[in-house]
C-alpha atoms as a PDB file:
ATOM      1  CA  MET A   1      66.981  46.713  -6.654  1.00  0.00           C
ATOM      2  CA  LYS A   2      67.272  46.401 -10.389  1.00  0.00           C
ATOM      3  CA  LEU A   3      66.166  45.360 -10.674  1.00  0.00           C
ATOM      4  CA  LYS A   4      66.783  47.013 -14.172  1.00  0.00           C
ATOM      5  CA  ASP A   5      69.631  45.776 -16.608  1.00  0.00           C
ATOM      6  CA  ALA A   6      71.169  43.163 -14.342  1.00  0.00           C
ATOM      7  CA  THR A   7      73.518  40.369 -15.336  1.00  0.00           C
ATOM      8  CA  LEU A   8      75.255  37.373 -13.854  1.00  0.00           C
ATOM      9  CA  LEU A   9      78.982  37.837 -13.345  1.00  0.00           C
ATOM     10  CA  GLN A  10      80.668  34.875 -14.953  1.00  0.00           C
ATOM     11  CA  ASN A  11      83.642  33.725 -12.881  1.00  0.00           C
ATOM     12  CA  SER A  12      83.832  30.393 -14.599  1.00  0.00           C
ATOM     13  CA  PHE A  13      82.315  28.503 -17.497  1.00  0.00           C
ATOM     14  CA  GLY A  14      81.264  24.987 -18.359  1.00  0.00           C
ATOM     15  CA  ILE A  15      79.770  22.986 -15.502  1.00  0.00           C
ATOM     16  CA  ASN A  16      79.821  25.905 -13.042  1.00  0.00           C
ATOM     17  CA  ARG A  17      77.722  28.008 -15.411  1.00  0.00           C
ATOM     18  CA  PHE A  18      75.311  25.120 -15.854  1.00  0.00           C
ATOM     19  CA  VAL A  19      74.917  24.622 -12.088  1.00  0.00           C
ATOM     20  CA  GLN A  20      74.331  28.330 -11.448  1.00  0.00           C
ATOM     21  CA  ASN A  21      71.711  28.744 -14.159  1.00  0.00           C
ATOM     22  CA  PHE A  22      70.016  25.422 -13.497  1.00  0.00           C
ATOM     23  CA  SER A  23      69.636  26.410  -9.842  1.00  0.00           C
ATOM     24  CA  VAL A  24      68.102  29.729 -10.850  1.00  0.00           C
ATOM     25  CA  ASN A  25      65.635  27.943 -13.105  1.00  0.00           C
ATOM     26  CA  ILE A  26      64.548  25.602 -10.313  1.00  0.00           C
ATOM     27  CA  MET A  27      63.966  28.549  -7.969  1.00  0.00           C
ATOM     28  CA  THR A  28      61.867  30.310 -10.569  1.00  0.00           C
ATOM     29  CA  LYS A  29      59.606  27.339 -11.154  1.00  0.00           C
ATOM     30  CA  THR A  30      59.056  26.689  -7.448  1.00  0.00           C
ATOM     31  CA  ASN A  31      58.419  30.392  -6.724  1.00  0.00           C
ATOM     32  CA  SER A  32      60.784  30.278  -3.736  1.00  0.00           C
ATOM     33  CA  THR A  33      61.763  33.897  -4.431  1.00  0.00           C
ATOM     34  CA  ASP A  34      60.354  36.840  -6.358  1.00  0.00           C
ATOM     35  CA  TRP A  35      60.755  36.548 -10.126  1.00  0.00           C
ATOM     36  CA  PHE A  36      63.078  39.538 -10.345  1.00  0.00           C
ATOM     37  CA  GLU A  37      65.480  38.075  -7.775  1.00  0.00           C
ATOM     38  CA  THR A  38      66.140  35.108 -10.045  1.00  0.00           C
ATOM     39  CA  TRP A  39      65.780  36.335 -13.618  1.00  0.00           C
ATOM     40  CA  PHE A  40      67.786  39.540 -13.174  1.00  0.00           C
ATOM     41  CA  ASP A  41      70.584  37.610 -11.490  1.00  0.00           C
ATOM     42  CA  THR A  42      71.318  35.432 -14.532  1.00  0.00           C
ATOM     43  CA  SER A  43      73.580  35.956 -17.523  1.00  0.00           C
ATOM     44  CA  TYR A  44      70.616  35.256 -19.815  1.00  0.00           C
ATOM     45  CA  TYR A  45      68.864  38.479 -18.819  1.00  0.00           C
ATOM     46  CA  HIS A  46      71.885  40.473 -19.950  1.00  0.00           C
ATOM     47  CA  THR A  47      72.062  38.486 -23.187  1.00  0.00           C
ATOM     48  CA  LEU A  48      68.412  39.127 -24.050  1.00  0.00           C
ATOM     49  CA  TYR A  49      68.693  42.863 -23.390  1.00  0.00           C
ATOM     50  CA  LYS A  50      72.166  43.471 -24.758  1.00  0.00           C
ATOM     51  CA  HIS A  51      70.705  45.920 -27.307  1.00  0.00           C
ATOM     52  CA  ARG A  52      70.456  48.394 -24.417  1.00  0.00           C
ATOM     53  CA  ASP A  53      73.977  49.575 -25.102  1.00  0.00           C
ATOM     54  CA  THR A  54      76.364  52.036 -23.525  1.00  0.00           C
ATOM     55  CA  ASP A  55      75.873  54.675 -26.229  1.00  0.00           C
ATOM     56  CA  GLU A  56      72.137  54.798 -25.539  1.00  0.00           C
ATOM     57  CA  ALA A  57      72.732  55.087 -21.788  1.00  0.00           C
ATOM     58  CA  GLU A  58      75.299  57.868 -22.193  1.00  0.00           C
ATOM     59  CA  SER A  59      73.090  59.857 -24.550  1.00  0.00           C
ATOM     60  CA  PHE A  60      70.146  59.650 -22.145  1.00  0.00           C
ATOM     61  CA  ILE A  61      72.247  60.625 -19.116  1.00  0.00           C
ATOM     62  CA  SER A  62      73.805  63.534 -21.047  1.00  0.00           C
ATOM     63  CA  ASN A  63      70.344  64.868 -21.852  1.00  0.00           C
ATOM     64  CA  LEU A  64      69.250  64.541 -18.225  1.00  0.00           C
ATOM     65  CA  ILE A  65      72.383  66.260 -16.915  1.00  0.00           C
ATOM     66  CA  GLU A  66      71.870  69.173 -19.287  1.00  0.00           C
ATOM     67  CA  TYR A  67      68.253  69.545 -18.174  1.00  0.00           C
ATOM     68  CA  LEU A  68      68.801  69.094 -14.419  1.00  0.00           C
ATOM     69  CA  LYS A  69      71.785  71.471 -14.119  1.00  0.00           C
ATOM     70  CA  LEU A  70      73.250  69.530 -11.203  1.00  0.00           C
ATOM     71  CA  LYS A  71      76.327  71.050  -9.594  1.00  0.00           C
ATOM     72  CA  ASP A  72      79.701  69.329  -9.888  1.00  0.00           C
ATOM     73  CA  GLY A  73      80.171  66.912  -7.016  1.00  0.00           C
ATOM     74  CA  SER A  74      76.434  66.450  -6.426  1.00  0.00           C
ATOM     75  CA  LYS A  75      75.573  63.215  -4.649  1.00  0.00           C
ATOM     76  CA  CYS A  76      73.576  60.947  -6.957  1.00  0.00           C
ATOM     77  CA  LEU A  77      71.945  57.572  -6.339  1.00  0.00           C
ATOM     78  CA  ASP A  78      71.320  55.120  -9.175  1.00  0.00           C
ATOM     79  CA  LEU A  79      68.529  53.012  -7.667  1.00  0.00           C
ATOM     80  CA  ALA A  80      68.316  49.585  -9.290  1.00  0.00           C
ATOM     81  CA  CYS A  81      71.578  50.180 -11.102  1.00  0.00           C
ATOM     82  CA  GLY A  82      72.152  46.721 -12.586  1.00  0.00           C
ATOM     83  CA  LYS A  83      75.758  46.507 -13.797  1.00  0.00           C
ATOM     84  CA  GLY A  84      76.135  50.242 -13.325  1.00  0.00           C
ATOM     85  CA  ARG A  85      76.280  51.632 -16.870  1.00  0.00           C
ATOM     86  CA  HIS A  86      74.291  54.749 -15.904  1.00  0.00           C
ATOM     87  CA  SER A  87      76.199  55.101 -12.616  1.00  0.00           C
ATOM     88  CA  LEU A  88      79.536  55.048 -14.403  1.00  0.00           C
ATOM     89  CA  PHE A  89      78.603  57.771 -16.854  1.00  0.00           C
ATOM     90  CA  LEU A  90      77.146  59.949 -14.097  1.00  0.00           C
ATOM     91  CA  ASN A  91      80.425  59.594 -12.253  1.00  0.00           C
ATOM     92  CA  LYS A  92      82.451  60.471 -15.362  1.00  0.00           C
ATOM     93  CA  ASN A  93      80.477  63.716 -15.500  1.00  0.00           C
ATOM     94  CA  GLY A  94      81.721  64.815 -12.098  1.00  0.00           C
ATOM     95  CA  PHE A  95      79.144  63.455  -9.669  1.00  0.00           C
ATOM     96  CA  ASP A  96      79.576  61.454  -6.467  1.00  0.00           C
ATOM     97  CA  VAL A  97      77.579  58.325  -7.300  1.00  0.00           C
ATOM     98  CA  THR A  98      76.218  55.344  -5.390  1.00  0.00           C
ATOM     99  CA  GLY A  99      74.668  52.447  -7.307  1.00  0.00           C
ATOM    100  CA  LEU A 100      72.296  50.052  -5.534  1.00  0.00           C
ATOM    101  CA  ASP A 101      70.754  46.832  -6.805  1.00  0.00           C
ATOM    102  CA  LEU A 102      69.258  43.677  -5.354  1.00  0.00           C
ATOM    103  CA  SER A 103      71.274  41.475  -7.714  1.00  0.00           C
ATOM    104  CA  ILE A 104      74.405  40.210  -5.961  1.00  0.00           C
ATOM    105  CA  ASN A 105      76.028  39.195  -9.237  1.00  0.00           C
ATOM    106  CA  SER A 106      75.370  42.543 -10.880  1.00  0.00           C
ATOM    107  CA  ILE A 107      76.853  44.449  -7.955  1.00  0.00           C
ATOM    108  CA  GLU A 108      79.854  42.136  -7.852  1.00  0.00           C
ATOM    109  CA  SER A 109      80.461  42.972 -11.500  1.00  0.00           C
ATOM    110  CA  ALA A 110      79.899  46.708 -11.011  1.00  0.00           C
ATOM    111  CA  LYS A 111      82.336  46.898  -8.100  1.00  0.00           C
ATOM    112  CA  SER A 112      85.240  46.498 -10.534  1.00  0.00           C
ATOM    113  CA  MET A 113      84.522  50.111 -11.589  1.00  0.00           C
ATOM    114  CA  GLU A 114      84.547  51.621  -8.094  1.00  0.00           C
ATOM    115  CA  ASN A 115      86.671  54.637  -7.193  1.00  0.00           C
ATOM    116  CA  ASP A 116      86.665  57.356  -4.536  1.00  0.00           C
ATOM    117  CA  THR A 117      83.431  58.863  -5.869  1.00  0.00           C
ATOM    118  CA  LEU A 118      81.734  55.748  -7.268  1.00  0.00           C
ATOM    119  CA  LYS A 119      80.546  52.863  -5.127  1.00  0.00           C
ATOM    120  CA  PHE A 120      78.093  49.996  -5.424  1.00  0.00           C
ATOM    121  CA  ASP A 121      76.156  47.956  -2.890  1.00  0.00           C
ATOM    122  CA  VAL A 122      73.459  45.281  -2.695  1.00  0.00           C
ATOM    123  CA  HIS A 123      70.240  46.802  -1.410  1.00  0.00           C
ATOM    124  CA  ASP A 124      66.437  46.482  -1.529  1.00  0.00           C
ATOM    125  CA  MET A 125      64.927  49.680  -2.925  1.00  0.00           C
ATOM    126  CA  ARG A 126      62.065  49.503  -0.423  1.00  0.00           C
ATOM    127  CA  GLU A 127      64.472  50.369   2.409  1.00  0.00           C
ATOM    128  CA  VAL A 128      66.422  53.532   3.238  1.00  0.00           C
ATOM    129  CA  TYR A 129      70.130  53.121   2.494  1.00  0.00           C
ATOM    130  CA  GLN A 130      72.456  53.930   5.415  1.00  0.00           C
ATOM    131  CA  ASP A 131      70.624  57.182   6.164  1.00  0.00           C
ATOM    132  CA  GLU A 132      72.521  58.895   3.337  1.00  0.00           C
ATOM    133  CA  LYS A 133      71.154  62.034   1.666  1.00  0.00           C
ATOM    134  CA  PHE A 134      71.332  62.625  -2.096  1.00  0.00           C
ATOM    135  CA  ASP A 135      70.836  65.583  -4.399  1.00  0.00           C
ATOM    136  CA  ALA A 136      69.285  63.389  -7.093  1.00  0.00           C
ATOM    137  CA  ILE A 137      68.015  59.819  -7.273  1.00  0.00           C
ATOM    138  CA  PHE A 138      67.679  58.036 -10.620  1.00  0.00           C
ATOM    139  CA  ASN A 139      65.390  55.037 -11.210  1.00  0.00           C
ATOM    140  CA  LEU A 140      65.897  54.049 -14.844  1.00  0.00           C
ATOM    141  CA  PHE A 141      65.052  51.371 -17.448  1.00  0.00           C
ATOM    142  CA  THR A 142      61.589  50.493 -16.057  1.00  0.00           C
ATOM    143  CA  SER A 143      62.922  49.499 -12.636  1.00  0.00           C
ATOM    144  CA  PHE A 144      59.635  50.151 -10.857  1.00  0.00           C
ATOM    145  CA  GLY A 145      56.326  48.299 -10.603  1.00  0.00           C
ATOM    146  CA  TYR A 146      57.790  44.833 -10.033  1.00  0.00           C
ATOM    147  CA  PHE A 147      55.741  44.284  -6.890  1.00  0.00           C
ATOM    148  CA  ASP A 148      52.150  43.150  -6.506  1.00  0.00           C
ATOM    149  CA  SER A 149      50.805  46.062  -4.514  1.00  0.00           C
ATOM    150  CA  ASN A 150      50.847  49.828  -4.292  1.00  0.00           C
ATOM    151  CA  GLU A 151      51.935  49.411  -0.680  1.00  0.00           C
ATOM    152  CA  ASP A 152      55.324  48.186  -1.909  1.00  0.00           C
ATOM    153  CA  ASN A 153      55.432  50.929  -4.539  1.00  0.00           C
ATOM    154  CA  LEU A 154      54.867  53.463  -1.767  1.00  0.00           C
ATOM    155  CA  LYS A 155      57.594  51.883   0.350  1.00  0.00           C
ATOM    156  CA  VAL A 156      60.009  52.589  -2.485  1.00  0.00           C
ATOM    157  CA  LEU A 157      58.837  56.184  -2.834  1.00  0.00           C
ATOM    158  CA  TYR A 158      58.880  56.861   0.918  1.00  0.00           C
ATOM    159  CA  SER A 159      62.439  55.532   1.061  1.00  0.00           C
ATOM    160  CA  VAL A 160      63.457  57.724  -1.879  1.00  0.00           C
ATOM    161  CA  HIS A 161      61.853  60.724  -0.195  1.00  0.00           C
ATOM    162  CA  LYS A 162      63.831  60.117   3.000  1.00  0.00           C
ATOM    163  CA  MET A 163      67.094  59.684   1.092  1.00  0.00           C
ATOM    164  CA  LEU A 164      66.755  62.967  -0.807  1.00  0.00           C
ATOM    165  CA  LYS A 165      68.010  66.296   0.467  1.00  0.00           C
ATOM    166  CA  ASP A 166      65.527  69.154   0.725  1.00  0.00           C
ATOM    167  CA  ASP A 167      64.418  70.074  -2.810  1.00  0.00           C
ATOM    168  CA  GLY A 168      66.134  66.914  -4.084  1.00  0.00           C
ATOM    169  CA  ILE A 169      65.197  65.556  -7.505  1.00  0.00           C
ATOM    170  CA  PHE A 170      63.771  62.117  -8.315  1.00  0.00           C
ATOM    171  CA  ILE A 171      63.958  60.853 -11.899  1.00  0.00           C
ATOM    172  CA  ILE A 172      61.837  57.877 -13.006  1.00  0.00           C
ATOM    173  CA  ASP A 173      62.250  56.310 -16.452  1.00  0.00           C
ATOM    174  CA  PHE A 174      59.312  53.950 -17.053  1.00  0.00           C
ATOM    175  CA  MET A 175      57.615  52.454 -20.083  1.00  0.00           C
ATOM    176  CA  ASN A 176      54.624  54.308 -21.508  1.00  0.00           C
ATOM    177  CA  ALA A 177      52.123  51.686 -20.373  1.00  0.00           C
ATOM    178  CA  LYS A 178      49.336  52.765 -22.730  1.00  0.00           C
ATOM    179  CA  LYS A 179      51.511  52.518 -25.836  1.00  0.00           C
ATOM    180  CA  SER A 180      53.122  49.293 -24.599  1.00  0.00           C
ATOM    181  CA  ILE A 181      49.727  47.632 -24.179  1.00  0.00           C
ATOM    182  CA  ASN A 182      48.348  48.912 -27.497  1.00  0.00           C
ATOM    183  CA  SER A 183      51.406  47.736 -29.413  1.00  0.00           C
ATOM    184  CA  LEU A 184      51.976  44.500 -27.487  1.00  0.00           C
ATOM    185  CA  VAL A 185      53.693  41.838 -29.611  1.00  0.00           C
ATOM    186  CA  GLU A 186      52.117  38.650 -28.341  1.00  0.00           C
ATOM    187  CA  SER A 187      54.757  36.257 -29.634  1.00  0.00           C
ATOM    188  CA  GLU A 188      58.210  36.470 -31.173  1.00  0.00           C
ATOM    189  CA  MET A 189      61.501  34.615 -31.476  1.00  0.00           C
ATOM    190  CA  LYS A 190      64.893  36.256 -30.951  1.00  0.00           C
ATOM    191  CA  GLU A 191      68.209  34.585 -31.692  1.00  0.00           C
ATOM    192  CA  ILE A 192      70.998  36.186 -29.659  1.00  0.00           C
ATOM    193  CA  ASP A 193      74.485  34.745 -29.146  1.00  0.00           C
ATOM    194  CA  GLY A 194      73.336  31.354 -30.411  1.00  0.00           C
ATOM    195  CA  ILE A 195      70.339  31.177 -28.055  1.00  0.00           C
ATOM    196  CA  ASN A 196      66.784  31.157 -29.421  1.00  0.00           C
ATOM    197  CA  PHE A 197      64.552  33.067 -27.021  1.00  0.00           C
ATOM    198  CA  LYS A 198      60.847  32.290 -27.449  1.00  0.00           C
ATOM    199  CA  ILE A 199      58.929  35.257 -25.992  1.00  0.00           C
ATOM    200  CA  LYS A 200      55.210  35.533 -25.261  1.00  0.00           C
ATOM    201  CA  ARG A 201      53.545  38.668 -23.890  1.00  0.00           C
ATOM    202  CA  SER A 202      50.136  39.301 -22.373  1.00  0.00           C
ATOM    203  CA  PHE A 203      48.219  41.896 -20.371  1.00  0.00           C
ATOM    204  CA  ASP A 204      45.870  40.773 -17.590  1.00  0.00           C
ATOM    205  CA  GLY A 205      44.366  44.173 -16.837  1.00  0.00           C
ATOM    206  CA  LYS A 206      46.947  44.993 -14.178  1.00  0.00           C
ATOM    207  CA  HIS A 207      50.313  43.552 -15.198  1.00  0.00           C
ATOM    208  CA  ILE A 208      52.191  43.150 -18.443  1.00  0.00           C
ATOM    209  CA  HIS A 209      53.597  39.624 -18.521  1.00  0.00           C
ATOM    210  CA  LYS A 210      56.511  38.311 -20.533  1.00  0.00           C
ATOM    211  CA  ASN A 211      57.187  34.579 -20.665  1.00  0.00           C
ATOM    212  CA  ILE A 212      60.696  33.678 -21.856  1.00  0.00           C
ATOM    213  CA  GLN A 213      61.658  30.150 -22.866  1.00  0.00           C
ATOM    214  CA  PHE A 214      64.914  28.886 -24.372  1.00  0.00           C
ATOM    215  CA  GLU A 215      67.380  26.026 -24.445  1.00  0.00           C
ATOM    216  CA  ASP A 216      71.066  26.247 -23.571  1.00  0.00           C
ATOM    217  CA  GLU A 217      73.627  23.521 -22.990  1.00  0.00           C
ATOM    218  CA  SER A 218      70.920  20.890 -23.582  1.00  0.00           C
ATOM    219  CA  GLN A 219      68.788  22.290 -20.762  1.00  0.00           C
ATOM    220  CA  ASP A 220      65.381  23.955 -21.012  1.00  0.00           C
ATOM    221  CA  PHE A 221      64.816  27.242 -19.202  1.00  0.00           C
ATOM    222  CA  GLU A 222      61.751  29.319 -18.497  1.00  0.00           C
ATOM    223  CA  PHE A 223      61.497  32.733 -16.835  1.00  0.00           C
ATOM    224  CA  ASN A 224      58.669  35.205 -16.378  1.00  0.00           C
ATOM    225  CA  GLU A 225      58.671  38.985 -16.114  1.00  0.00           C
ATOM    226  CA  ARG A 226      55.719  40.800 -14.562  1.00  0.00           C
ATOM    227  CA  VAL A 227      55.496  44.590 -14.443  1.00  0.00           C
ATOM    228  CA  GLN A 228      52.574  46.672 -13.235  1.00  0.00           C
ATOM    229  CA  ALA A 229      50.935  48.693 -15.993  1.00  0.00           C
ATOM    230  CA  LEU A 230      51.302  52.048 -14.260  1.00  0.00           C
ATOM    231  CA  PHE A 231      49.941  55.052 -16.145  1.00  0.00           C
ATOM    232  CA  LYS A 232      50.704  58.745 -15.749  1.00  0.00           C
ATOM    233  CA  GLU A 233      47.730  59.139 -13.397  1.00  0.00           C
ATOM    234  CA  ASP A 234      48.993  56.257 -11.223  1.00  0.00           C
ATOM    235  CA  PHE A 235      52.385  57.900 -10.810  1.00  0.00           C
ATOM    236  CA  GLU A 236      50.738  61.240 -10.069  1.00  0.00           C
ATOM    237  CA  ARG A 237      48.757  59.686  -7.218  1.00  0.00           C
ATOM    238  CA  LEU A 238      51.705  57.698  -5.842  1.00  0.00           C
ATOM    239  CA  LEU A 239      54.148  60.588  -5.988  1.00  0.00           C
ATOM    240  CA  ASN A 240      51.703  63.052  -4.479  1.00  0.00           C
ATOM    241  CA  LYS A 241      50.925  60.666  -1.617  1.00  0.00           C
ATOM    242  CA  SER A 242      54.618  60.102  -0.871  1.00  0.00           C
ATOM    243  CA  GLY A 243      55.533  63.786  -0.779  1.00  0.00           C
ATOM    244  CA  PHE A 244      56.676  64.632  -4.319  1.00  0.00           C
ATOM    245  CA  ARG A 245      55.738  67.315  -6.808  1.00  0.00           C
ATOM    246  CA  ILE A 246      56.020  66.475 -10.513  1.00  0.00           C
ATOM    247  CA  GLU A 247      58.075  69.119 -12.290  1.00  0.00           C
ATOM    248  CA  GLN A 248      58.182  67.758 -15.850  1.00  0.00           C
ATOM    249  CA  LEU A 249      57.243  64.795 -18.049  1.00  0.00           C
ATOM    250  CA  PHE A 250      59.214  63.560 -21.066  1.00  0.00           C
ATOM    251  CA  GLY A 251      58.356  60.894 -23.621  1.00  0.00           C
ATOM    252  CA  ASP A 252      61.718  59.563 -24.797  1.00  0.00           C
ATOM    253  CA  PHE A 253      65.462  59.558 -24.131  1.00  0.00           C
ATOM    254  CA  GLU A 254      65.827  62.752 -26.183  1.00  0.00           C
ATOM    255  CA  LEU A 255      63.496  64.446 -23.652  1.00  0.00           C
ATOM    256  CA  ASN A 256      60.742  65.293 -26.085  1.00  0.00           C
ATOM    257  CA  PRO A 257      57.349  66.135 -24.509  1.00  0.00           C
ATOM    258  CA  PHE A 258      55.273  63.207 -23.224  1.00  0.00           C
ATOM    259  CA  ASP A 259      52.303  62.166 -25.347  1.00  0.00           C
ATOM    260  CA  GLU A 260      50.497  59.141 -23.923  1.00  0.00           C
ATOM    261  CA  SER A 261      49.349  57.980 -27.356  1.00  0.00           C
ATOM    262  CA  ILE A 262      52.765  57.909 -29.082  1.00  0.00           C
ATOM    263  CA  SER A 263      55.633  58.309 -26.589  1.00  0.00           C
ATOM    264  CA  LYS A 264      57.923  55.333 -26.056  1.00  0.00           C
ATOM    265  CA  ARG A 265      58.744  56.223 -22.457  1.00  0.00           C
ATOM    266  CA  LEU A 266      57.265  57.981 -19.444  1.00  0.00           C
ATOM    267  CA  ILE A 267      60.132  59.953 -17.887  1.00  0.00           C
ATOM    268  CA  ILE A 268      59.173  61.813 -14.729  1.00  0.00           C
ATOM    269  CA  ILE A 269      61.144  64.607 -13.076  1.00  0.00           C
ATOM    270  CA  ALA A 270      59.799  65.039  -9.524  1.00  0.00           C
ATOM    271  CA  LYS A 271      60.962  67.213  -6.651  1.00  0.00           C
ATOM    272  CA  LYS A 272      60.812  66.462  -2.934  1.00  0.00           C
ATOM    273  CA  ALA A 273      58.065  68.700  -1.577  1.00  0.00           C
END
């Protein structure tokens, strides 16, 4: 699932775009599906996070490739791949890549980039994918902790464990929860592509919440993000329980050492035990 960096593929504009997005908004407010199934499947998500650009993704992947020393042709899985920006760059560096995401629209968009060694599919990260085995599995851009329980978190990790080859590597790129909570901006306004996003953030002791409100085409929209505030110790317990051994921790995309008080990210390199 995406679950990270997803976007709605626009096949048409005008009234079709209005109907699609209005329907998503109704689903969100009635809680008929999980929040990430609706919000990540809209074009507005991509608009709000467009600052996460290709250059940043390529720099991060280059640093990871240099550190991991994966062999040419290694089978890699980008779990919660969104539109596939990380998948594409992994593939350009000589790896056989599969990108999976729960967002139908994101995968439909990503499929335009497919080739013999790059494919995309819609899939729930809590389930094993077609009994395939991978040398490395990447879970990037805080694409973890969207569920309400550790049972679902463990389902993800057990599935990853089963999909990895012996001694396979699992890479998690998550926010540094401690720094995120300490530096939480409670309210801000962002104008992007003519849309004014009103954003409110809060921490309830377990989840970091982000409420997003805006108007487009004379319609009001409201979406909510909710991510578990998972700390280093939480990941240590979860990974140990699901059969992983943590090899290294990094604190940013340049792979500097992790410092819980100042690091922007919590990047975990774990090996299948």
